[in-house]
């Protein structure tokens, strides 16, 4: 594996991990805010907080990987 490929994989991995952390944290915080609201909706009560957190983490994973590939593609075409 050449140096550029290793750097690309490191970029994708680090952006994906950051996306998973941010997406999961944001979804978890949103679930908590929903349950602590003055008027709790039925939609809030029927959602499983763990499923919502996992959905946020997977969205963050895709967003982070997409951002990394976008940056790598942009840098490659600027050269």
N, C-alpha and C. Protein backbone atom coordinates (compact mmCIF):
# COMPACT_ATOMS: atom_id res chain seq x y z
N UNK A 1 0.84 -1.17 0.00
CA UNK A 1 0.00 0.00 0.00
C UNK A 1 0.89 1.24 0.00
N UNK A 2 0.62 2.14 -0.91
CA UNK A 2 1.46 3.33 -0.98
C UNK A 2 1.04 4.37 0.08
N UNK A 3 1.82 5.40 0.17
CA UNK A 3 1.65 6.40 1.22
C UNK A 3 0.33 7.17 1.07
N UNK A 4 -0.04 7.49 -0.18
CA UNK A 4 -1.28 8.24 -0.40
C UNK A 4 -2.50 7.43 0.01
N UNK A 5 -2.49 6.15 -0.27
CA UNK A 5 -3.61 5.30 0.10
C UNK A 5 -3.74 5.19 1.61
N UNK A 6 -2.61 5.08 2.30
CA UNK A 6 -2.64 5.01 3.76
C UNK A 6 -3.19 6.31 4.35
N UNK A 7 -2.78 7.43 3.77
CA UNK A 7 -3.27 8.72 4.26
C UNK A 7 -4.76 8.87 4.02
N UNK A 8 -5.23 8.40 2.86
CA UNK A 8 -6.66 8.46 2.57
C UNK A 8 -7.45 7.60 3.55
N UNK A 9 -6.97 6.39 3.80
CA UNK A 9 -7.66 5.52 4.75
C UNK A 9 -7.67 6.10 6.16
N UNK A 10 -6.58 6.72 6.56
CA UNK A 10 -6.52 7.37 7.87
C UNK A 10 -7.50 8.53 7.95
N UNK A 11 -7.59 9.31 6.87
CA UNK A 11 -8.52 10.43 6.82
C UNK A 11 -9.96 9.94 6.91
N UNK A 12 -10.28 8.92 6.13
CA UNK A 12 -11.64 8.37 6.15
C UNK A 12 -11.97 7.78 7.52
N UNK A 13 -11.05 7.04 8.10
CA UNK A 13 -11.29 6.44 9.41
C UNK A 13 -11.48 7.50 10.49
N UNK A 14 -10.63 8.51 10.50
CA UNK A 14 -10.74 9.53 11.55
C UNK A 14 -12.01 10.36 11.39
N UNK A 15 -12.37 10.71 10.15
CA UNK A 15 -13.61 11.47 9.93
C UNK A 15 -14.83 10.62 10.26
N UNK A 16 -14.77 9.34 9.96
CA UNK A 16 -15.89 8.44 10.28
C UNK A 16 -16.07 8.30 11.78
N UNK A 17 -14.99 8.14 12.50
CA UNK A 17 -15.07 8.02 13.96
C UNK A 17 -15.62 9.32 14.56
N UNK A 18 -15.15 10.44 14.07
CA UNK A 18 -15.66 11.72 14.56
C UNK A 18 -17.15 11.85 14.25
N UNK A 19 -17.56 11.42 13.07
CA UNK A 19 -18.98 11.46 12.71
C UNK A 19 -19.83 10.57 13.59
N UNK A 20 -19.33 9.38 13.91
CA UNK A 20 -20.06 8.46 14.78
C UNK A 20 -20.23 9.08 16.17
N UNK A 21 -19.18 9.67 16.69
CA UNK A 21 -19.25 10.27 18.02
C UNK A 21 -20.20 11.46 18.04
N UNK A 22 -20.06 12.35 17.06
CA UNK A 22 -20.92 13.53 17.02
C UNK A 22 -22.38 13.17 16.74
N UNK A 23 -22.60 12.26 15.80
CA UNK A 23 -23.97 11.86 15.47
C UNK A 23 -24.65 11.16 16.63
N UNK A 24 -23.95 10.26 17.28
CA UNK A 24 -24.51 9.56 18.43
C UNK A 24 -24.80 10.49 19.59
N UNK A 25 -23.88 11.40 19.86
CA UNK A 25 -24.07 12.35 20.95
C UNK A 25 -25.24 13.28 20.68
N UNK A 26 -25.35 13.76 19.45
CA UNK A 26 -26.45 14.65 19.09
C UNK A 26 -27.80 13.95 19.20
N UNK A 27 -27.88 12.72 18.74
CA UNK A 27 -29.14 11.98 18.82
C UNK A 27 -29.51 11.67 20.26
N UNK A 28 -28.53 11.30 21.05
CA UNK A 28 -28.77 11.01 22.46
C UNK A 28 -29.26 12.26 23.19
N UNK A 29 -28.62 13.40 22.93
CA UNK A 29 -29.02 14.65 23.57
C UNK A 29 -30.42 15.06 23.13
N UNK A 30 -30.74 14.84 21.85
CA UNK A 30 -32.08 15.17 21.37
C UNK A 30 -33.14 14.31 22.05
N UNK A 31 -32.85 13.04 22.25
CA UNK A 31 -33.78 12.15 22.94
C UNK A 31 -34.01 12.62 24.38
N UNK A 32 -32.94 13.01 25.05
CA UNK A 32 -33.07 13.49 26.43
C UNK A 32 -33.86 14.79 26.49
N UNK A 33 -33.61 15.69 25.56
CA UNK A 33 -34.34 16.96 25.54
C UNK A 33 -35.82 16.72 25.27
N UNK A 34 -36.11 15.76 24.41
CA UNK A 34 -37.49 15.43 24.08
C UNK A 34 -38.24 14.95 25.33
N UNK A 35 -37.60 14.11 26.10
CA UNK A 35 -38.24 13.56 27.30
C UNK A 35 -38.35 14.58 28.44
N UNK A 36 -37.52 15.61 28.43
CA UNK A 36 -37.54 16.62 29.48
C UNK A 36 -38.34 17.85 29.09
N UNK A 37 -38.98 17.83 27.93
CA UNK A 37 -39.75 18.98 27.48
C UNK A 37 -40.98 19.17 28.37
N UNK A 38 -41.54 20.39 28.35
CA UNK A 38 -42.73 20.66 29.15
C UNK A 38 -43.92 19.83 28.66
N UNK A 39 -44.05 19.70 27.34
CA UNK A 39 -45.11 18.89 26.76
C UNK A 39 -44.46 17.73 26.01
N UNK A 40 -44.51 16.55 26.57
CA UNK A 40 -43.91 15.37 25.95
C UNK A 40 -44.91 14.81 24.93
N UNK A 41 -44.46 14.67 23.69
CA UNK A 41 -45.33 14.19 22.63
C UNK A 41 -45.36 12.66 22.60
N UNK A 42 -46.38 12.12 21.97
CA UNK A 42 -46.47 10.66 21.86
C UNK A 42 -45.35 10.13 20.98
N UNK A 43 -44.92 10.92 19.99
CA UNK A 43 -43.80 10.52 19.14
C UNK A 43 -42.54 10.35 19.97
N UNK A 44 -42.36 11.23 20.93
CA UNK A 44 -41.18 11.17 21.81
C UNK A 44 -41.23 9.92 22.68
N UNK A 45 -42.41 9.57 23.14
CA UNK A 45 -42.55 8.42 24.04
C UNK A 45 -42.41 7.08 23.31
N UNK A 46 -42.76 7.04 22.03
CA UNK A 46 -42.72 5.77 21.30
C UNK A 46 -41.35 5.47 20.71
N UNK A 47 -40.48 6.46 20.65
CA UNK A 47 -39.15 6.23 20.08
C UNK A 47 -38.24 5.59 21.12
N UNK A 48 -37.50 4.58 20.68
CA UNK A 48 -36.51 3.94 21.54
C UNK A 48 -35.24 4.79 21.50
N UNK A 49 -34.78 5.34 22.63
CA UNK A 49 -33.59 6.20 22.62
C UNK A 49 -32.34 5.50 22.08
N UNK A 50 -32.22 4.20 22.34
CA UNK A 50 -31.05 3.46 21.85
C UNK A 50 -31.08 3.36 20.32
N UNK A 51 -32.24 3.09 19.76
CA UNK A 51 -32.36 3.02 18.30
C UNK A 51 -32.09 4.37 17.66
N UNK A 52 -32.59 5.42 18.29
CA UNK A 52 -32.36 6.77 17.76
C UNK A 52 -30.86 7.12 17.82
N UNK A 53 -30.20 6.72 18.89
CA UNK A 53 -28.76 6.98 19.01
C UNK A 53 -27.98 6.21 17.96
N UNK A 54 -28.35 4.95 17.74
CA UNK A 54 -27.67 4.14 16.72
C UNK A 54 -27.91 4.72 15.33
N UNK A 55 -29.12 5.20 15.07
CA UNK A 55 -29.40 5.83 13.78
C UNK A 55 -28.56 7.09 13.59
N UNK A 56 -28.40 7.87 14.65
CA UNK A 56 -27.55 9.06 14.57
C UNK A 56 -26.09 8.71 14.34
N UNK A 57 -25.65 7.62 14.97
CA UNK A 57 -24.26 7.19 14.79
C UNK A 57 -24.02 6.72 13.35
N UNK A 58 -24.97 6.00 12.78
CA UNK A 58 -24.78 5.53 11.40
C UNK A 58 -24.84 6.70 10.42
N UNK A 59 -25.69 7.67 10.68
CA UNK A 59 -25.72 8.86 9.84
C UNK A 59 -24.39 9.61 9.94
N UNK A 60 -23.86 9.73 11.15
CA UNK A 60 -22.57 10.38 11.34
C UNK A 60 -21.44 9.64 10.64
N UNK A 61 -21.50 8.32 10.67
CA UNK A 61 -20.50 7.51 9.98
C UNK A 61 -20.50 7.81 8.49
N UNK A 62 -21.68 7.80 7.88
CA UNK A 62 -21.77 8.08 6.45
C UNK A 62 -21.36 9.52 6.13
N UNK A 63 -21.76 10.45 6.97
CA UNK A 63 -21.40 11.85 6.75
C UNK A 63 -19.89 12.05 6.86
N UNK A 64 -19.27 11.44 7.85
CA UNK A 64 -17.83 11.57 8.03
C UNK A 64 -17.06 10.95 6.88
N UNK A 65 -17.46 9.75 6.46
CA UNK A 65 -16.78 9.09 5.34
C UNK A 65 -16.99 9.88 4.05
N UNK A 66 -18.19 10.38 3.84
CA UNK A 66 -18.46 11.18 2.64
C UNK A 66 -17.65 12.46 2.62
N UNK A 67 -17.53 13.10 3.76
CA UNK A 67 -16.73 14.32 3.84
C UNK A 67 -15.26 14.04 3.56
N UNK A 68 -14.75 12.95 4.08
CA UNK A 68 -13.35 12.59 3.85
C UNK A 68 -13.09 12.31 2.37
N UNK A 69 -13.99 11.54 1.76
CA UNK A 69 -13.81 11.26 0.33
C UNK A 69 -13.95 12.54 -0.50
N UNK A 70 -14.85 13.42 -0.09
CA UNK A 70 -15.00 14.69 -0.79
C UNK A 70 -13.75 15.55 -0.72
N UNK A 71 -13.16 15.61 0.45
CA UNK A 71 -11.92 16.38 0.61
C UNK A 71 -10.80 15.75 -0.21
N UNK A 72 -10.69 14.43 -0.15
CA UNK A 72 -9.63 13.75 -0.90
C UNK A 72 -9.81 13.95 -2.40
N UNK A 73 -11.04 13.89 -2.87
CA UNK A 73 -11.30 14.09 -4.30
C UNK A 73 -10.96 15.52 -4.70
N UNK A 74 -11.32 16.48 -3.86
CA UNK A 74 -11.04 17.89 -4.15
C UNK A 74 -9.54 18.16 -4.18
N UNK A 75 -8.81 17.60 -3.23
CA UNK A 75 -7.36 17.82 -3.19
C UNK A 75 -6.69 17.16 -4.40
N UNK A 76 -7.17 15.98 -4.77
CA UNK A 76 -6.58 15.28 -5.91
C UNK A 76 -6.78 16.05 -7.21
N UNK A 77 -7.94 16.70 -7.36
CA UNK A 77 -8.22 17.43 -8.61
C UNK A 77 -7.63 18.84 -8.62
N UNK A 78 -7.16 19.33 -7.48
CA UNK A 78 -6.49 20.62 -7.45
C UNK A 78 -5.05 20.50 -7.93
N UNK A 79 -4.45 19.32 -7.80
CA UNK A 79 -3.04 19.13 -8.20
C UNK A 79 -2.87 19.15 -9.69
